[in-house]
Amino acid sequence: MVAKHFLTVATLAAVGAALLTGCGDSEPSGNELVLPSAPHSPSPPVTTTEERRTRGVLGPYDTGVGRNGAEVSILSVTDEVTNYGPATVFTFQIFNASDQIIEGSDWATPTVVYGPAGIPAEWFVSTADQLGLGTVGAIPPGSRQTVREGYKVSKAQLTETVVTEGSLIWSGDFSTFQR
């Protein structure tokens, strides 16, 4: 550590001496310290929060492509009154962009975690409300299917939310989601 500190101080002193030497007379004395110039690299551009997303994490309005080739997007996030009381309903659309049949069992129940503390929202099934039923049968290539999932949380609480379905992860503010 001391050697590293000494090297840093010595380097700074040499740079300062080189700068001072260049400020004096215009005649070179032959004793100047010549440092190799570092290649110039421009400063990185200023990025917004959306641009700083972690690789592989989607924004609320993004469409993700799962490992099975399914393109999945969130169509809506709504407050609804269900047979189990007030809930937030996420409506997902699955599009089979692959050339293989996607089996219904490939749909994993999405998880919703919200708030600074990362509280898991309670998922529920309601056949009367058509919630939590997953996909119906297989999805052939070029076909779409819509899936509705219900959670015991109000939409207003979803300001900091992570939604995960299989290999896909969406993150952001879902409290104002409107498509």
N, C-alpha and C. Protein backbone atom coordinates (compact mmCIF):
# COMPACT_ATOMS: atom_id res chain seq x y z
N MET A 1 0.82 -1.18 0.00
CA MET A 1 0.00 0.00 0.00
C MET A 1 0.88 1.26 0.00
N VAL A 2 1.93 1.24 0.82
CA VAL A 2 2.83 2.40 0.89
C VAL A 2 3.53 2.58 -0.44
N ALA A 3 3.96 1.47 -1.06
CA ALA A 3 4.64 1.56 -2.36
C ALA A 3 3.69 2.11 -3.41
N LYS A 4 2.44 1.68 -3.38
CA LYS A 4 1.45 2.16 -4.34
C LYS A 4 1.22 3.66 -4.13
N HIS A 5 1.11 4.10 -2.87
CA HIS A 5 0.92 5.52 -2.56
C HIS A 5 2.13 6.32 -3.02
N PHE A 6 3.34 5.80 -2.77
CA PHE A 6 4.56 6.48 -3.17
C PHE A 6 4.60 6.62 -4.68
N LEU A 7 4.22 5.54 -5.41
CA LEU A 7 4.23 5.58 -6.87
C LEU A 7 3.25 6.63 -7.38
N THR A 8 2.09 6.74 -6.76
CA THR A 8 1.10 7.74 -7.17
C THR A 8 1.63 9.15 -6.93
N VAL A 9 2.22 9.39 -5.77
CA VAL A 9 2.77 10.70 -5.44
C VAL A 9 3.92 11.02 -6.40
N ALA A 10 4.76 10.04 -6.68
CA ALA A 10 5.89 10.26 -7.59
C ALA A 10 5.38 10.57 -9.00
N THR A 11 4.36 9.90 -9.43
CA THR A 11 3.80 10.14 -10.76
C THR A 11 3.22 11.55 -10.84
N LEU A 12 2.47 11.94 -9.82
CA LEU A 12 1.89 13.29 -9.80
C LEU A 12 2.98 14.35 -9.78
N ALA A 13 4.04 14.11 -9.03
CA ALA A 13 5.15 15.06 -8.97
C ALA A 13 5.82 15.18 -10.34
N ALA A 14 6.00 14.06 -11.04
CA ALA A 14 6.63 14.08 -12.35
C ALA A 14 5.76 14.81 -13.36
N VAL A 15 4.45 14.60 -13.30
CA VAL A 15 3.54 15.29 -14.21
C VAL A 15 3.58 16.79 -13.94
N GLY A 16 3.56 17.16 -12.64
CA GLY A 16 3.63 18.59 -12.28
C GLY A 16 4.92 19.22 -12.77
N ALA A 17 6.03 18.51 -12.61
CA ALA A 17 7.32 19.03 -13.06
C ALA A 17 7.32 19.20 -14.57
N ALA A 18 6.75 18.26 -15.27
CA ALA A 18 6.70 18.33 -16.73
C ALA A 18 5.87 19.53 -17.18
N LEU A 19 4.77 19.77 -16.49
CA LEU A 19 3.92 20.90 -16.84
C LEU A 19 4.61 22.22 -16.55
N LEU A 20 5.29 22.30 -15.41
CA LEU A 20 6.00 23.52 -15.06
C LEU A 20 7.14 23.79 -16.02
N THR A 21 7.85 22.77 -16.43
CA THR A 21 8.95 22.92 -17.37
C THR A 21 8.44 23.49 -18.68
N GLY A 22 7.28 23.01 -19.11
CA GLY A 22 6.72 23.49 -20.37
C GLY A 22 6.22 24.91 -20.28
N CYS A 23 6.00 25.45 -19.07
CA CYS A 23 5.46 26.79 -18.91
C CYS A 23 6.55 27.85 -18.93
N GLY A 24 7.78 27.45 -18.74
CA GLY A 24 8.88 28.41 -18.64
C GLY A 24 9.33 28.88 -20.01
N ASP A 25 10.65 28.82 -20.23
CA ASP A 25 11.17 29.29 -21.49
C ASP A 25 10.81 28.35 -22.62
N SER A 26 10.92 28.87 -23.80
CA SER A 26 10.52 28.08 -24.96
C SER A 26 11.65 27.18 -25.43
N GLU A 27 12.84 27.34 -24.88
CA GLU A 27 13.97 26.50 -25.27
C GLU A 27 13.94 25.20 -24.49
N PRO A 28 13.94 24.02 -25.15
CA PRO A 28 13.98 22.76 -24.43
C PRO A 28 15.34 22.57 -23.77
N SER A 29 15.34 22.09 -22.53
CA SER A 29 16.59 21.92 -21.81
C SER A 29 17.10 20.49 -21.92
N GLY A 30 16.28 19.59 -22.43
CA GLY A 30 16.71 18.19 -22.53
C GLY A 30 16.39 17.41 -21.28
N ASN A 31 15.96 18.06 -20.18
CA ASN A 31 15.65 17.38 -18.94
C ASN A 31 14.15 17.18 -18.72
N GLU A 32 13.37 17.51 -19.73
CA GLU A 32 11.93 17.40 -19.55
C GLU A 32 11.52 15.94 -19.49
N LEU A 33 10.53 15.69 -18.68
CA LEU A 33 9.95 14.36 -18.59
C LEU A 33 8.89 14.26 -19.67
N VAL A 34 9.02 13.30 -20.53
CA VAL A 34 8.04 13.13 -21.60
C VAL A 34 7.19 11.92 -21.25
N LEU A 35 5.90 12.16 -21.07
CA LEU A 35 4.97 11.09 -20.76
C LEU A 35 4.22 10.70 -22.01
N PRO A 36 4.01 9.41 -22.20
CA PRO A 36 3.23 9.02 -23.38
C PRO A 36 1.79 9.53 -23.22
N SER A 37 1.25 10.00 -24.31
CA SER A 37 -0.12 10.50 -24.22
C SER A 37 -1.09 9.33 -24.29
N ALA A 38 -2.10 9.44 -23.48
CA ALA A 38 -3.13 8.40 -23.46
C ALA A 38 -4.04 8.61 -24.65
N PRO A 39 -4.51 7.54 -25.25
CA PRO A 39 -5.42 7.72 -26.37
C PRO A 39 -6.70 8.41 -25.87
N HIS A 40 -7.18 9.34 -26.65
CA HIS A 40 -8.37 10.09 -26.25
C HIS A 40 -9.61 9.25 -26.47
N SER A 41 -10.40 9.16 -25.43
CA SER A 41 -11.69 8.49 -25.60
C SER A 41 -12.75 9.46 -25.11
N PRO A 42 -13.78 9.64 -25.90
CA PRO A 42 -14.81 10.60 -25.51
C PRO A 42 -15.52 10.15 -24.24
N SER A 43 -16.04 11.11 -23.53
CA SER A 43 -16.81 10.78 -22.33
C SER A 43 -18.05 10.00 -22.73
N PRO A 44 -18.47 9.06 -21.86
CA PRO A 44 -19.67 8.32 -22.20
C PRO A 44 -20.87 9.26 -22.22
N PRO A 45 -21.83 9.00 -23.11
CA PRO A 45 -22.99 9.87 -23.17
C PRO A 45 -23.82 9.77 -21.89
N VAL A 46 -24.51 10.83 -21.58
CA VAL A 46 -25.39 10.82 -20.42
C VAL A 46 -26.58 9.94 -20.77
N THR A 47 -26.93 9.03 -19.86
CA THR A 47 -28.03 8.11 -20.14
C THR A 47 -29.16 8.34 -19.17
N THR A 48 -30.35 7.98 -19.61
CA THR A 48 -31.52 8.08 -18.75
C THR A 48 -31.63 6.79 -17.95
N THR A 49 -32.53 6.79 -16.98
CA THR A 49 -32.75 5.60 -16.16
C THR A 49 -33.15 4.42 -17.04
N GLU A 50 -34.01 4.67 -18.02
CA GLU A 50 -34.47 3.59 -18.91
C GLU A 50 -33.29 2.98 -19.67
N GLU A 51 -32.31 3.82 -20.07
CA GLU A 51 -31.18 3.31 -20.83
C GLU A 51 -30.20 2.53 -19.96
N ARG A 52 -30.26 2.74 -18.64
CA ARG A 52 -29.34 2.07 -17.74
C ARG A 52 -29.87 0.74 -17.25
N ARG A 53 -30.93 0.24 -17.84
CA ARG A 53 -31.52 -1.02 -17.41
C ARG A 53 -30.48 -2.13 -17.44
N THR A 54 -30.62 -3.02 -16.52
CA THR A 54 -29.76 -4.18 -16.47
C THR A 54 -30.05 -5.05 -17.69
N ARG A 55 -29.02 -5.57 -18.26
CA ARG A 55 -29.18 -6.42 -19.44
C ARG A 55 -30.13 -7.57 -19.10
N GLY A 56 -31.12 -7.77 -19.97
CA GLY A 56 -32.07 -8.85 -19.77
C GLY A 56 -33.31 -8.46 -19.00
N VAL A 57 -33.34 -7.24 -18.45
CA VAL A 57 -34.52 -6.79 -17.71
C VAL A 57 -35.30 -5.83 -18.62
N LEU A 58 -36.56 -6.15 -18.80
CA LEU A 58 -37.42 -5.39 -19.69
C LEU A 58 -38.12 -4.26 -18.96
N GLY A 59 -38.50 -3.22 -19.68
CA GLY A 59 -39.34 -2.17 -19.14
C GLY A 59 -40.79 -2.62 -19.21
N PRO A 60 -41.70 -1.95 -18.53
CA PRO A 60 -43.10 -2.36 -18.49
C PRO A 60 -43.74 -2.55 -19.87
N TYR A 61 -43.37 -1.76 -20.86
CA TYR A 61 -44.01 -1.82 -22.18
C TYR A 61 -43.24 -2.66 -23.19
N ASP A 62 -42.14 -3.27 -22.76
CA ASP A 62 -41.31 -4.07 -23.67
C ASP A 62 -41.89 -5.45 -23.91
N THR A 63 -41.57 -6.01 -25.07
CA THR A 63 -41.93 -7.39 -25.39
C THR A 63 -40.67 -8.22 -25.21
N GLY A 64 -40.81 -9.30 -24.46
CA GLY A 64 -39.67 -10.19 -24.24
C GLY A 64 -39.82 -11.45 -25.06
N VAL A 65 -38.69 -12.10 -25.34
CA VAL A 65 -38.70 -13.37 -26.06
C VAL A 65 -38.17 -14.42 -25.11
N GLY A 66 -39.04 -15.37 -24.77
CA GLY A 66 -38.66 -16.44 -23.85
C GLY A 66 -37.75 -17.46 -24.51
N ARG A 67 -37.23 -18.37 -23.72
CA ARG A 67 -36.32 -19.40 -24.24
C ARG A 67 -37.00 -20.31 -25.25
N ASN A 68 -38.34 -20.41 -25.17
CA ASN A 68 -39.07 -21.28 -26.10
C ASN A 68 -39.49 -20.55 -27.38
N GLY A 69 -39.07 -19.30 -27.53
CA GLY A 69 -39.38 -18.54 -28.74
C GLY A 69 -40.67 -17.73 -28.63
N ALA A 70 -41.34 -17.79 -27.50
CA ALA A 70 -42.58 -17.04 -27.32
C ALA A 70 -42.26 -15.57 -27.09
N GLU A 71 -42.96 -14.69 -27.81
CA GLU A 71 -42.88 -13.26 -27.57
C GLU A 71 -43.99 -12.92 -26.57
N VAL A 72 -43.62 -12.38 -25.43
CA VAL A 72 -44.59 -12.10 -24.37
C VAL A 72 -44.58 -10.61 -24.06
N SER A 73 -45.78 -10.03 -24.03
CA SER A 73 -45.91 -8.62 -23.65
C SER A 73 -47.04 -8.48 -22.64
N ILE A 74 -46.97 -7.40 -21.89
CA ILE A 74 -48.02 -7.09 -20.92
C ILE A 74 -48.97 -6.13 -21.63
N LEU A 75 -50.21 -6.57 -21.83
CA LEU A 75 -51.20 -5.75 -22.53
C LEU A 75 -51.85 -4.73 -21.61
N SER A 76 -52.15 -5.15 -20.38
CA SER A 76 -52.81 -4.22 -19.46
C SER A 76 -52.53 -4.60 -18.01
N VAL A 77 -52.66 -3.59 -17.16
CA VAL A 77 -52.58 -3.74 -15.71
C VAL A 77 -53.75 -2.93 -15.18
N THR A 78 -54.74 -3.61 -14.58
CA THR A 78 -55.97 -2.93 -14.18
C THR A 78 -56.40 -3.31 -12.77
N ASP A 79 -57.01 -2.34 -12.08
CA ASP A 79 -57.68 -2.63 -10.82
C ASP A 79 -59.04 -3.22 -11.18
N GLU A 80 -59.38 -4.35 -10.58
CA GLU A 80 -60.67 -4.98 -10.82
C GLU A 80 -61.25 -5.50 -9.52
N VAL A 81 -62.57 -5.59 -9.49
CA VAL A 81 -63.24 -6.23 -8.36
C VAL A 81 -63.54 -7.65 -8.82
N THR A 82 -62.98 -8.62 -8.11
CA THR A 82 -63.13 -10.03 -8.48
C THR A 82 -63.99 -10.74 -7.43
N ASN A 83 -64.24 -12.01 -7.66
CA ASN A 83 -64.95 -12.82 -6.67
C ASN A 83 -64.18 -12.91 -5.35
N TYR A 84 -62.89 -12.61 -5.38
CA TYR A 84 -62.04 -12.65 -4.19
C TYR A 84 -61.73 -11.26 -3.67
N GLY A 85 -62.48 -10.26 -4.14
CA GLY A 85 -62.28 -8.89 -3.68
C GLY A 85 -61.46 -8.08 -4.67
N PRO A 86 -61.05 -6.88 -4.25
CA PRO A 86 -60.25 -6.02 -5.13
C PRO A 86 -58.91 -6.67 -5.45
N ALA A 87 -58.48 -6.49 -6.70
CA ALA A 87 -57.21 -7.07 -7.14
C ALA A 87 -56.66 -6.29 -8.32
N THR A 88 -55.41 -6.54 -8.61
CA THR A 88 -54.81 -6.02 -9.84
C THR A 88 -54.69 -7.19 -10.80
N VAL A 89 -55.13 -6.95 -12.03
CA VAL A 89 -55.09 -8.00 -13.06
C VAL A 89 -54.08 -7.62 -14.12
N PHE A 90 -53.12 -8.50 -14.34
CA PHE A 90 -52.15 -8.36 -15.42
C PHE A 90 -52.64 -9.21 -16.59
N THR A 91 -52.74 -8.61 -17.77
CA THR A 91 -53.12 -9.35 -18.97
C THR A 91 -51.88 -9.46 -19.84
N PHE A 92 -51.47 -10.69 -20.12
CA PHE A 92 -50.29 -10.97 -20.94
C PHE A 92 -50.74 -11.48 -22.30
N GLN A 93 -49.96 -11.17 -23.33
CA GLN A 93 -50.21 -11.77 -24.63
C GLN A 93 -48.98 -12.56 -25.03
N ILE A 94 -49.23 -13.79 -25.45
CA ILE A 94 -48.15 -14.69 -25.88
C ILE A 94 -48.29 -14.87 -27.39
N PHE A 95 -47.22 -14.64 -28.11
CA PHE A 95 -47.19 -14.87 -29.55
C PHE A 95 -46.10 -15.88 -29.83
N ASN A 96 -46.45 -16.97 -30.50
CA ASN A 96 -45.46 -17.99 -30.84
C ASN A 96 -44.76 -17.59 -32.13
N ALA A 97 -43.59 -16.98 -31.99
CA ALA A 97 -42.80 -16.54 -33.13
C ALA A 97 -41.84 -17.63 -33.61
N SER A 98 -41.85 -18.77 -32.94
CA SER A 98 -40.95 -19.86 -33.33
C SER A 98 -41.63 -20.75 -34.37
N ASP A 99 -40.90 -21.77 -34.81
CA ASP A 99 -41.49 -22.74 -35.75
C ASP A 99 -41.88 -24.02 -35.03
N GLN A 100 -41.90 -23.98 -33.70
CA GLN A 100 -42.27 -25.13 -32.88
C GLN A 100 -43.55 -24.84 -32.11
N ILE A 101 -44.30 -25.87 -31.77
CA ILE A 101 -45.48 -25.72 -30.94
C ILE A 101 -45.04 -25.41 -29.51
N ILE A 102 -45.69 -24.42 -28.89
CA ILE A 102 -45.41 -24.10 -27.49
C ILE A 102 -46.50 -24.79 -26.67
N GLU A 103 -46.07 -25.65 -25.79
CA GLU A 103 -47.02 -26.39 -24.94
C GLU A 103 -47.57 -25.48 -23.86
N GLY A 104 -48.80 -25.71 -23.47
CA GLY A 104 -49.44 -24.92 -22.42
C GLY A 104 -48.66 -24.97 -21.11
N SER A 105 -47.99 -26.08 -20.87
CA SER A 105 -47.22 -26.23 -19.62
C SER A 105 -45.97 -25.35 -19.61
N ASP A 106 -45.62 -24.73 -20.76
CA ASP A 106 -44.47 -23.84 -20.81
C ASP A 106 -44.75 -22.49 -20.14
N TRP A 107 -46.03 -22.17 -19.91
CA TRP A 107 -46.37 -20.90 -19.26
C TRP A 107 -46.18 -21.06 -17.76
N ALA A 108 -45.28 -20.27 -17.20
CA ALA A 108 -45.06 -20.27 -15.75
C ALA A 108 -45.90 -19.18 -15.12
N THR A 109 -46.50 -19.45 -13.99
CA THR A 109 -47.29 -18.43 -13.30
C THR A 109 -46.39 -17.25 -12.99
N PRO A 110 -46.71 -16.06 -13.49
CA PRO A 110 -45.87 -14.89 -13.22
C PRO A 110 -45.90 -14.51 -11.74
N THR A 111 -44.78 -14.02 -11.27
CA THR A 111 -44.69 -13.49 -9.91
C THR A 111 -44.65 -11.97 -10.01
N VAL A 112 -45.22 -11.31 -9.02
CA VAL A 112 -45.21 -9.85 -8.93
C VAL A 112 -44.65 -9.50 -7.56
N VAL A 113 -43.56 -8.74 -7.55
CA VAL A 113 -42.91 -8.29 -6.32
C VAL A 113 -42.88 -6.78 -6.39
N TYR A 114 -43.33 -6.11 -5.32
CA TYR A 114 -43.49 -4.66 -5.40
C TYR A 114 -42.94 -3.95 -4.16
N GLY A 115 -42.73 -2.64 -4.34
CA GLY A 115 -42.29 -1.76 -3.25
C GLY A 115 -40.81 -1.87 -2.97
N PRO A 116 -40.29 -0.90 -2.22
CA PRO A 116 -38.86 -0.89 -1.87
C PRO A 116 -38.43 -2.14 -1.11
N ALA A 117 -39.36 -2.74 -0.34
CA ALA A 117 -39.02 -3.93 0.44
C ALA A 117 -39.14 -5.21 -0.38
N GLY A 118 -39.67 -5.13 -1.59
CA GLY A 118 -39.79 -6.32 -2.42
C GLY A 118 -40.82 -7.31 -1.89
N ILE A 119 -42.04 -6.85 -1.69
CA ILE A 119 -43.09 -7.69 -1.13
C ILE A 119 -43.74 -8.50 -2.25
N PRO A 120 -43.81 -9.82 -2.11
CA PRO A 120 -44.49 -10.63 -3.13
C PRO A 120 -46.00 -10.42 -3.05
N ALA A 121 -46.61 -10.15 -4.21
CA ALA A 121 -48.06 -10.00 -4.26
C ALA A 121 -48.69 -11.40 -4.29
N GLU A 122 -49.79 -11.54 -3.58
CA GLU A 122 -50.48 -12.84 -3.52
C GLU A 122 -51.22 -13.09 -4.83
N TRP A 123 -50.90 -14.17 -5.49
CA TRP A 123 -51.54 -14.59 -6.74
C TRP A 123 -52.73 -15.47 -6.39
N PHE A 124 -53.77 -15.43 -7.19
CA PHE A 124 -54.92 -16.29 -6.94
C PHE A 124 -55.55 -16.76 -8.24
N VAL A 125 -56.35 -17.82 -8.13
CA VAL A 125 -57.07 -18.39 -9.26
C VAL A 125 -58.56 -18.13 -9.06
N SER A 126 -59.21 -17.66 -10.11
CA SER A 126 -60.66 -17.47 -10.08
C SER A 126 -61.21 -17.86 -11.44
N THR A 127 -61.85 -19.02 -11.50
CA THR A 127 -62.42 -19.45 -12.78
C THR A 127 -63.56 -18.52 -13.20
N ALA A 128 -64.33 -18.01 -12.24
CA ALA A 128 -65.42 -17.10 -12.57
C ALA A 128 -64.91 -15.81 -13.23
N ASP A 129 -63.73 -15.35 -12.82
CA ASP A 129 -63.15 -14.12 -13.37
C ASP A 129 -62.15 -14.41 -14.50
N GLN A 130 -61.96 -15.69 -14.82
CA GLN A 130 -60.98 -16.11 -15.83
C GLN A 130 -59.58 -15.61 -15.48
N LEU A 131 -59.19 -15.83 -14.22
CA LEU A 131 -57.87 -15.40 -13.72
C LEU A 131 -57.07 -16.60 -13.24
N GLY A 132 -55.78 -16.59 -13.58
CA GLY A 132 -54.88 -17.61 -13.06
C GLY A 132 -55.02 -18.97 -13.73
N LEU A 133 -55.64 -19.01 -14.88
CA LEU A 133 -55.86 -20.29 -15.56
C LEU A 133 -54.71 -20.68 -16.49
N GLY A 134 -53.78 -19.78 -16.71
CA GLY A 134 -52.66 -20.07 -17.61
C GLY A 134 -53.12 -20.14 -19.05
N THR A 135 -52.37 -20.86 -19.87
CA THR A 135 -52.74 -20.99 -21.28
C THR A 135 -53.74 -22.13 -21.43
N VAL A 136 -54.48 -22.08 -22.50
CA VAL A 136 -55.46 -23.14 -22.79
C VAL A 136 -54.91 -23.91 -23.99
N GLY A 137 -54.40 -25.11 -23.74
CA GLY A 137 -53.85 -25.92 -24.82
C GLY A 137 -52.52 -25.40 -25.32
N ALA A 138 -52.11 -25.96 -26.44
CA ALA A 138 -50.83 -25.59 -27.06
C ALA A 138 -51.01 -24.35 -27.93
N ILE A 139 -49.89 -23.67 -28.20
CA ILE A 139 -49.91 -22.48 -29.06
C ILE A 139 -49.07 -22.81 -30.29
N PRO A 140 -49.72 -23.00 -31.45
CA PRO A 140 -48.97 -23.33 -32.67
C PRO A 140 -48.17 -22.13 -33.19
N PRO A 141 -47.19 -22.37 -34.04
CA PRO A 141 -46.41 -21.26 -34.62
C PRO A 141 -47.34 -20.23 -35.28
N GLY A 142 -47.02 -18.96 -35.05
CA GLY A 142 -47.79 -17.88 -35.64
C GLY A 142 -49.08 -17.54 -34.91
N SER A 143 -49.38 -18.22 -33.81
CA SER A 143 -50.62 -17.99 -33.07
C SER A 143 -50.38 -17.17 -31.81
N ARG A 144 -51.48 -16.58 -31.31
CA ARG A 144 -51.45 -15.77 -30.09
C ARG A 144 -52.41 -16.35 -29.07
N GLN A 145 -52.11 -16.06 -27.80
CA GLN A 145 -53.04 -16.39 -26.73
C GLN A 145 -52.90 -15.34 -25.63
N THR A 146 -54.03 -14.98 -25.03
CA THR A 146 -54.05 -13.99 -23.96
C THR A 146 -54.28 -14.71 -22.64
N VAL A 147 -53.53 -14.30 -21.63
CA VAL A 147 -53.60 -14.91 -20.30
C VAL A 147 -53.80 -13.79 -19.29
N ARG A 148 -54.75 -13.99 -18.37
CA ARG A 148 -55.02 -13.01 -17.30
C ARG A 148 -54.61 -13.62 -15.96
N GLU A 149 -53.87 -12.82 -15.17
CA GLU A 149 -53.41 -13.26 -13.85
C GLU A 149 -53.81 -12.22 -12.81
N GLY A 150 -54.35 -12.67 -11.67
CA GLY A 150 -54.80 -11.77 -10.62
C GLY A 150 -53.91 -11.79 -9.39
N TYR A 151 -53.75 -10.61 -8.78
CA TYR A 151 -52.90 -10.45 -7.60
C TYR A 151 -53.61 -9.58 -6.57
N LYS A 152 -53.50 -9.97 -5.31
CA LYS A 152 -54.13 -9.23 -4.21
C LYS A 152 -53.24 -8.05 -3.81
N VAL A 153 -53.27 -7.01 -4.62
CA VAL A 153 -52.54 -5.78 -4.38
C VAL A 153 -53.23 -4.71 -5.22
N SER A 154 -53.20 -3.46 -4.77
CA SER A 154 -53.79 -2.41 -5.59
C SER A 154 -52.76 -1.91 -6.60
N LYS A 155 -53.24 -1.50 -7.74
CA LYS A 155 -52.37 -1.00 -8.80
C LYS A 155 -51.53 0.19 -8.31
N ALA A 156 -52.10 1.03 -7.45
CA ALA A 156 -51.39 2.20 -6.92
C ALA A 156 -50.12 1.83 -6.17
N GLN A 157 -50.04 0.61 -5.64
CA GLN A 157 -48.86 0.18 -4.89
C GLN A 157 -47.72 -0.30 -5.80
N LEU A 158 -47.96 -0.38 -7.09
CA LEU A 158 -46.99 -0.99 -8.00
C LEU A 158 -46.02 0.01 -8.62
N THR A 159 -45.55 0.97 -7.83
CA THR A 159 -44.60 1.97 -8.34
C THR A 159 -43.22 1.38 -8.60
N GLU A 160 -42.78 0.49 -7.75
CA GLU A 160 -41.48 -0.19 -7.92
C GLU A 160 -41.79 -1.68 -7.98
N THR A 161 -41.89 -2.21 -9.19
CA THR A 161 -42.39 -3.58 -9.34
C THR A 161 -41.51 -4.40 -10.26
N VAL A 162 -41.39 -5.68 -9.92
CA VAL A 162 -40.70 -6.64 -10.78
C VAL A 162 -41.69 -7.77 -11.07
N VAL A 163 -41.90 -8.02 -12.36
CA VAL A 163 -42.78 -9.10 -12.81
C VAL A 163 -41.91 -10.12 -13.50
N THR A 164 -42.02 -11.39 -13.09
CA THR A 164 -41.21 -12.45 -13.67
C THR A 164 -42.10 -13.56 -14.17
N GLU A 165 -41.85 -13.99 -15.43
CA GLU A 165 -42.54 -15.15 -16.00
C GLU A 165 -41.48 -15.98 -16.69
N GLY A 166 -41.18 -17.14 -16.14
CA GLY A 166 -40.14 -17.99 -16.72
C GLY A 166 -38.82 -17.25 -16.78
N SER A 167 -38.26 -17.10 -17.98
CA SER A 167 -36.97 -16.43 -18.15
C SER A 167 -37.11 -14.93 -18.40
N LEU A 168 -38.34 -14.42 -18.40
CA LEU A 168 -38.57 -13.00 -18.68
C LEU A 168 -38.78 -12.21 -17.40
N ILE A 169 -38.19 -11.01 -17.36
CA ILE A 169 -38.30 -10.14 -16.20
C ILE A 169 -38.62 -8.72 -16.68
N TRP A 170 -39.71 -8.16 -16.16
CA TRP A 170 -40.07 -6.77 -16.39
C TRP A 170 -39.87 -6.02 -15.09
N SER A 171 -39.41 -4.77 -15.18
CA SER A 171 -39.20 -3.98 -13.97
C SER A 171 -39.58 -2.53 -14.26
N GLY A 172 -40.23 -1.91 -13.27
CA GLY A 172 -40.56 -0.49 -13.44
C GLY A 172 -41.80 -0.11 -12.66
N ASP A 173 -42.37 1.01 -13.06
CA ASP A 173 -43.57 1.57 -12.43
C ASP A 173 -44.79 1.08 -13.20
N PHE A 174 -45.54 0.19 -12.59
CA PHE A 174 -46.75 -0.34 -13.21
C PHE A 174 -48.00 0.37 -12.66
N SER A 175 -47.84 1.31 -11.74
CA SER A 175 -48.99 1.98 -11.13
C SER A 175 -49.72 2.89 -12.12
N THR A 176 -49.06 3.31 -13.17
CA THR A 176 -49.67 4.18 -14.17
C THR A 176 -49.73 3.51 -15.54
N PHE A 177 -49.56 2.20 -15.58
CA PHE A 177 -49.51 1.46 -16.84
C PHE A 177 -50.80 1.67 -17.64
N GLN A 178 -50.67 2.17 -18.85
CA GLN A 178 -51.78 2.34 -19.79
C GLN A 178 -51.25 2.04 -21.19
N ARG A 179 -51.90 1.17 -21.87
CA ARG A 179 -51.49 0.87 -23.25
C ARG A 179 -52.59 1.27 -24.18
